[in-house]
Amino acid sequence: MTQALSWQDIVALRFVAESYGMAVDRNDATLFAAQFTPDGVLEAPRGRFSGHAELATVPGMMAGLYDRTHHGIVGQVPVLGGRAVVTADTYTHARHYYTARRDGAEHCYEMTVRYEDHFVKSNDSWLLRHRKLVLVGDATFRTGRDPETDKGDKKNEH
């Protein structure tokens, strides 16, 4: 008989995914690194980040590239691999807003992502041991927002 995940575990796993996205959106290095084990790894198009010190650089890197970001978790399918090990596919739409040099208008680089996640449970908390970003699709489009006249909802305002 296969052991099932409890609803508490399912919610906790989803909370890790949501906190990861929120940490990038708020440029919160401490919160971002805290979603990983001390030896945790993120593999993404912009590099491989290993350990809390390297992982903590990711939100700042993103803030340096984009005016703001928005990460929406649209689904997560966890599978229990052992008493304290879970793999999951986590589905995300990640939007990255920036002002284009060519026309001065706001644009959005949108990524449709499937994360291949490996979680471990430590001290009753689920953490990412390894997360690999798999790009399913992407698009870039003009948002219609004028960065000069519309100053609302900047990345660090909550």
C-alpha atoms as a PDB file:
ATOM      1  CA  MET A   1       0.000   0.000   0.000  1.00  0.00           C
ATOM      2  CA  THR A   2       1.311   3.447  -0.961  1.00  0.00           C
ATOM      3  CA  GLN A   3       1.414   6.023   1.782  1.00  0.00           C
ATOM      4  CA  ALA A   4      -0.427   9.222   0.877  1.00  0.00           C
ATOM      5  CA  LEU A   5       0.508  12.781   1.693  1.00  0.00           C
ATOM      6  CA  SER A   6      -1.592  14.440   4.360  1.00  0.00           C
ATOM      7  CA  TRP A   7      -3.544  17.552   3.454  1.00  0.00           C
ATOM      8  CA  GLN A   8      -1.242  19.443   5.837  1.00  0.00           C
ATOM      9  CA  ASP A   9       1.782  18.299   3.819  1.00  0.00           C
ATOM     10  CA  ILE A  10       0.109  19.259   0.533  1.00  0.00           C
ATOM     11  CA  VAL A  11      -0.648  22.753   1.864  1.00  0.00           C
ATOM     12  CA  ALA A  12       2.886  23.110   3.264  1.00  0.00           C
ATOM     13  CA  LEU A  13       4.452  22.121  -0.076  1.00  0.00           C
ATOM     14  CA  ARG A  14       2.286  24.631  -1.915  1.00  0.00           C
ATOM     15  CA  PHE A  15       3.226  27.294   0.646  1.00  0.00           C
ATOM     16  CA  VAL A  16       6.926  26.750  -0.145  1.00  0.00           C
ATOM     17  CA  ALA A  17       6.193  27.296  -3.850  1.00  0.00           C
ATOM     18  CA  GLU A  18       4.105  30.403  -3.118  1.00  0.00           C
ATOM     19  CA  SER A  19       6.768  31.808  -0.769  1.00  0.00           C
ATOM     20  CA  TYR A  20       9.464  31.283  -3.416  1.00  0.00           C
ATOM     21  CA  GLY A  21       7.493  33.381  -5.906  1.00  0.00           C
ATOM     22  CA  MET A  22       6.636  36.033  -3.342  1.00  0.00           C
ATOM     23  CA  ALA A  23      10.298  36.314  -2.320  1.00  0.00           C
ATOM     24  CA  VAL A  24      11.312  37.085  -5.912  1.00  0.00           C
ATOM     25  CA  ASP A  25       8.434  39.553  -6.340  1.00  0.00           C
ATOM     26  CA  ARG A  26       9.364  41.379  -3.113  1.00  0.00           C
ATOM     27  CA  ASN A  27      13.146  41.141  -3.622  1.00  0.00           C
ATOM     28  CA  ASP A  28      13.458  39.295  -0.306  1.00  0.00           C
ATOM     29  CA  ALA A  29      16.743  37.375  -0.315  1.00  0.00           C
ATOM     30  CA  THR A  30      16.262  35.915   3.172  1.00  0.00           C
ATOM     31  CA  LEU A  31      12.797  34.553   2.431  1.00  0.00           C
ATOM     32  CA  PHE A  32      13.972  33.160  -0.907  1.00  0.00           C
ATOM     33  CA  ALA A  33      16.932  31.245   0.562  1.00  0.00           C
ATOM     34  CA  ALA A  34      14.758  30.004   3.454  1.00  0.00           C
ATOM     35  CA  GLN A  35      12.683  27.924   1.022  1.00  0.00           C
ATOM     36  CA  PHE A  36      15.712  25.689   0.434  1.00  0.00           C
ATOM     37  CA  THR A  37      17.773  23.301   2.510  1.00  0.00           C
ATOM     38  CA  PRO A  38      21.224  24.716   3.401  1.00  0.00           C
ATOM     39  CA  ASP A  39      22.683  22.725   0.485  1.00  0.00           C
ATOM     40  CA  GLY A  40      19.692  23.391  -1.799  1.00  0.00           C
ATOM     41  CA  VAL A  41      20.110  23.937  -5.533  1.00  0.00           C
ATOM     42  CA  LEU A  42      18.227  25.989  -8.120  1.00  0.00           C
ATOM     43  CA  GLU A  43      18.849  25.297 -11.808  1.00  0.00           C
ATOM     44  CA  ALA A  44      17.489  28.087 -14.012  1.00  0.00           C
ATOM     45  CA  PRO A  45      18.261  29.737 -17.355  1.00  0.00           C
ATOM     46  CA  ARG A  46      20.369  32.387 -15.578  1.00  0.00           C
ATOM     47  CA  GLY A  47      22.548  29.816 -13.823  1.00  0.00           C
ATOM     48  CA  ARG A  48      22.922  27.206 -11.132  1.00  0.00           C
ATOM     49  CA  PHE A  49      22.703  28.466  -7.568  1.00  0.00           C
ATOM     50  CA  SER A  50      23.793  26.220  -4.727  1.00  0.00           C
ATOM     51  CA  GLY A  51      23.565  26.863  -0.990  1.00  0.00           C
ATOM     52  CA  HIS A  52      21.891  29.700   0.870  1.00  0.00           C
ATOM     53  CA  ALA A  53      24.552  32.310   0.040  1.00  0.00           C
ATOM     54  CA  GLU A  54      24.214  31.830  -3.733  1.00  0.00           C
ATOM     55  CA  LEU A  55      20.444  31.368  -3.595  1.00  0.00           C
ATOM     56  CA  ALA A  56      20.074  34.660  -1.715  1.00  0.00           C
ATOM     57  CA  THR A  57      21.489  36.500  -4.750  1.00  0.00           C
ATOM     58  CA  VAL A  58      18.591  35.486  -7.023  1.00  0.00           C
ATOM     59  CA  PRO A  59      15.939  38.070  -5.978  1.00  0.00           C
ATOM     60  CA  GLY A  60      18.434  40.939  -6.260  1.00  0.00           C
ATOM     61  CA  MET A  61      19.566  39.719  -9.667  1.00  0.00           C
ATOM     62  CA  MET A  62      15.953  39.698 -10.859  1.00  0.00           C
ATOM     63  CA  ALA A  63      15.311  43.162  -9.364  1.00  0.00           C
ATOM     64  CA  GLY A  64      18.321  44.425 -11.300  1.00  0.00           C
ATOM     65  CA  LEU A  65      16.931  43.081 -14.563  1.00  0.00           C
ATOM     66  CA  TYR A  66      13.243  43.970 -14.245  1.00  0.00           C
ATOM     67  CA  ASP A  67      11.105  46.800 -12.890  1.00  0.00           C
ATOM     68  CA  ARG A  68       8.899  44.238 -11.133  1.00  0.00           C
ATOM     69  CA  THR A  69       7.887  40.604 -11.346  1.00  0.00           C
ATOM     70  CA  HIS A  70       4.763  38.584 -10.666  1.00  0.00           C
ATOM     71  CA  HIS A  71       4.865  34.836 -10.062  1.00  0.00           C
ATOM     72  CA  GLY A  72       1.567  32.978 -10.031  1.00  0.00           C
ATOM     73  CA  ILE A  73       1.526  29.334  -8.999  1.00  0.00           C
ATOM     74  CA  VAL A  74      -1.207  27.668 -11.033  1.00  0.00           C
ATOM     75  CA  GLY A  75      -0.788  24.078  -9.885  1.00  0.00           C
ATOM     76  CA  GLN A  76       1.346  21.565  -8.070  1.00  0.00           C
ATOM     77  CA  VAL A  77       1.353  17.774  -8.268  1.00  0.00           C
ATOM     78  CA  PRO A  78       3.331  16.249  -5.375  1.00  0.00           C
ATOM     79  CA  VAL A  79       4.268  12.567  -5.175  1.00  0.00           C
ATOM     80  CA  LEU A  80       5.509  10.993  -1.963  1.00  0.00           C
ATOM     81  CA  GLY A  81       8.843   9.292  -2.573  1.00  0.00           C
ATOM     82  CA  GLY A  82       9.542   8.219   0.988  1.00  0.00           C
ATOM     83  CA  ARG A  83       8.580   9.177   4.493  1.00  0.00           C
ATOM     84  CA  ALA A  84      10.238  12.577   4.260  1.00  0.00           C
ATOM     85  CA  VAL A  85      10.879  12.995   0.499  1.00  0.00           C
ATOM     86  CA  VAL A  86       8.516  14.394  -2.124  1.00  0.00           C
ATOM     87  CA  THR A  87       8.922  15.165  -5.799  1.00  0.00           C
ATOM     88  CA  ALA A  88       6.541  17.599  -7.438  1.00  0.00           C
ATOM     89  CA  ASP A  89       5.829  19.296 -10.704  1.00  0.00           C
ATOM     90  CA  THR A  90       4.955  22.908  -9.906  1.00  0.00           C
ATOM     91  CA  TYR A  91       3.319  24.951 -12.665  1.00  0.00           C
ATOM     92  CA  THR A  92       3.887  28.713 -12.801  1.00  0.00           C
ATOM     93  CA  HIS A  93       3.274  31.773 -14.923  1.00  0.00           C
ATOM     94  CA  ALA A  94       6.116  34.209 -14.289  1.00  0.00           C
ATOM     95  CA  ARG A  95       5.806  37.758 -15.557  1.00  0.00           C
ATOM     96  CA  HIS A  96       8.805  40.071 -15.775  1.00  0.00           C
ATOM     97  CA  TYR A  97       8.016  43.745 -16.441  1.00  0.00           C
ATOM     98  CA  TYR A  98      10.560  46.185 -17.857  1.00  0.00           C
ATOM     99  CA  THR A  99      10.786  49.450 -19.772  1.00  0.00           C
ATOM    100  CA  ALA A 100      12.068  48.805 -23.278  1.00  0.00           C
ATOM    101  CA  ARG A 101      14.922  51.028 -24.428  1.00  0.00           C
ATOM    102  CA  ARG A 102      13.704  51.031 -28.026  1.00  0.00           C
ATOM    103  CA  ASP A 103      10.327  52.663 -27.362  1.00  0.00           C
ATOM    104  CA  GLY A 104      10.203  53.643 -23.665  1.00  0.00           C
ATOM    105  CA  ALA A 105       7.057  51.571 -23.167  1.00  0.00           C
ATOM    106  CA  GLU A 106       6.509  48.878 -20.584  1.00  0.00           C
ATOM    107  CA  HIS A 107       6.864  45.321 -21.835  1.00  0.00           C
ATOM    108  CA  CYS A 108       6.362  41.956 -20.201  1.00  0.00           C
ATOM    109  CA  TYR A 109       8.459  38.857 -20.666  1.00  0.00           C
ATOM    110  CA  GLU A 110       6.142  36.023 -19.625  1.00  0.00           C
ATOM    111  CA  MET A 111       7.365  32.516 -18.951  1.00  0.00           C
ATOM    112  CA  THR A 112       5.222  29.422 -18.653  1.00  0.00           C
ATOM    113  CA  VAL A 113       7.242  27.204 -16.331  1.00  0.00           C
ATOM    114  CA  ARG A 114       7.184  23.714 -14.913  1.00  0.00           C
ATOM    115  CA  TYR A 115       9.494  23.334 -11.940  1.00  0.00           C
ATOM    116  CA  GLU A 116      10.842  19.872 -11.223  1.00  0.00           C
ATOM    117  CA  ASP A 117      10.965  20.017  -7.438  1.00  0.00           C
ATOM    118  CA  HIS A 118      12.558  17.729  -4.872  1.00  0.00           C
ATOM    119  CA  PHE A 119      11.454  18.454  -1.310  1.00  0.00           C
ATOM    120  CA  VAL A 120      12.666  17.041   1.985  1.00  0.00           C
ATOM    121  CA  LYS A 121      11.031  17.299   5.378  1.00  0.00           C
ATOM    122  CA  SER A 122      13.279  18.525   8.145  1.00  0.00           C
ATOM    123  CA  ASN A 123      12.124  19.438  11.658  1.00  0.00           C
ATOM    124  CA  ASP A 124       8.485  19.173  10.517  1.00  0.00           C
ATOM    125  CA  SER A 125       9.032  21.670   7.676  1.00  0.00           C
ATOM    126  CA  TRP A 126       9.183  20.979   3.947  1.00  0.00           C
ATOM    127  CA  LEU A 127      12.087  22.595   2.069  1.00  0.00           C
ATOM    128  CA  LEU A 128      13.388  22.465  -1.484  1.00  0.00           C
ATOM    129  CA  ARG A 129      16.521  20.386  -1.893  1.00  0.00           C
ATOM    130  CA  HIS A 130      16.574  20.830  -5.658  1.00  0.00           C
ATOM    131  CA  ARG A 131      14.485  22.891  -8.078  1.00  0.00           C
ATOM    132  CA  LYS A 132      14.920  22.823 -11.848  1.00  0.00           C
ATOM    133  CA  LEU A 133      13.157  25.397 -14.008  1.00  0.00           C
ATOM    134  CA  VAL A 134      11.838  23.880 -17.244  1.00  0.00           C
ATOM    135  CA  LEU A 135      10.672  26.499 -19.728  1.00  0.00           C
ATOM    136  CA  VAL A 136       7.453  25.305 -21.377  1.00  0.00           C
ATOM    137  CA  GLY A 137       6.909  28.497 -23.384  1.00  0.00           C
ATOM    138  CA  ASP A 138       7.492  32.218 -23.358  1.00  0.00           C
ATOM    139  CA  ALA A 139       6.256  35.429 -24.911  1.00  0.00           C
ATOM    140  CA  THR A 140       7.129  39.099 -24.844  1.00  0.00           C
ATOM    141  CA  PHE A 141       4.478  41.745 -25.280  1.00  0.00           C
ATOM    142  CA  ARG A 142       3.818  45.433 -24.711  1.00  0.00           C
ATOM    143  CA  THR A 143       1.582  45.981 -21.675  1.00  0.00           C
ATOM    144  CA  GLY A 144      -0.048  49.268 -22.622  1.00  0.00           C
ATOM    145  CA  ARG A 145       1.088  50.844 -19.361  1.00  0.00           C
ATOM    146  CA  ASP A 146       3.047  54.077 -19.637  1.00  0.00           C
ATOM    147  CA  PRO A 147       5.907  53.991 -17.088  1.00  0.00           C
ATOM    148  CA  GLU A 148       6.161  57.802 -17.121  1.00  0.00           C
ATOM    149  CA  THR A 149       2.534  58.508 -16.181  1.00  0.00           C
ATOM    150  CA  ASP A 150       1.509  55.369 -14.261  1.00  0.00           C
ATOM    151  CA  LYS A 151       3.673  55.024 -11.152  1.00  0.00           C
ATOM    152  CA  GLY A 152       1.455  52.556  -9.240  1.00  0.00           C
ATOM    153  CA  ASP A 153       2.244  49.044  -7.989  1.00  0.00           C
ATOM    154  CA  LYS A 154       6.021  49.091  -8.013  1.00  0.00           C
ATOM    155  CA  LYS A 155       7.842  45.936  -6.961  1.00  0.00           C
ATOM    156  CA  ASN A 156       8.512  46.751  -3.321  1.00  0.00           C
ATOM    157  CA  GLU A 157       5.138  48.270  -2.465  1.00  0.00           C
ATOM    158  CA  HIS A 158       2.772  45.867  -0.719  1.00  0.00           C
END
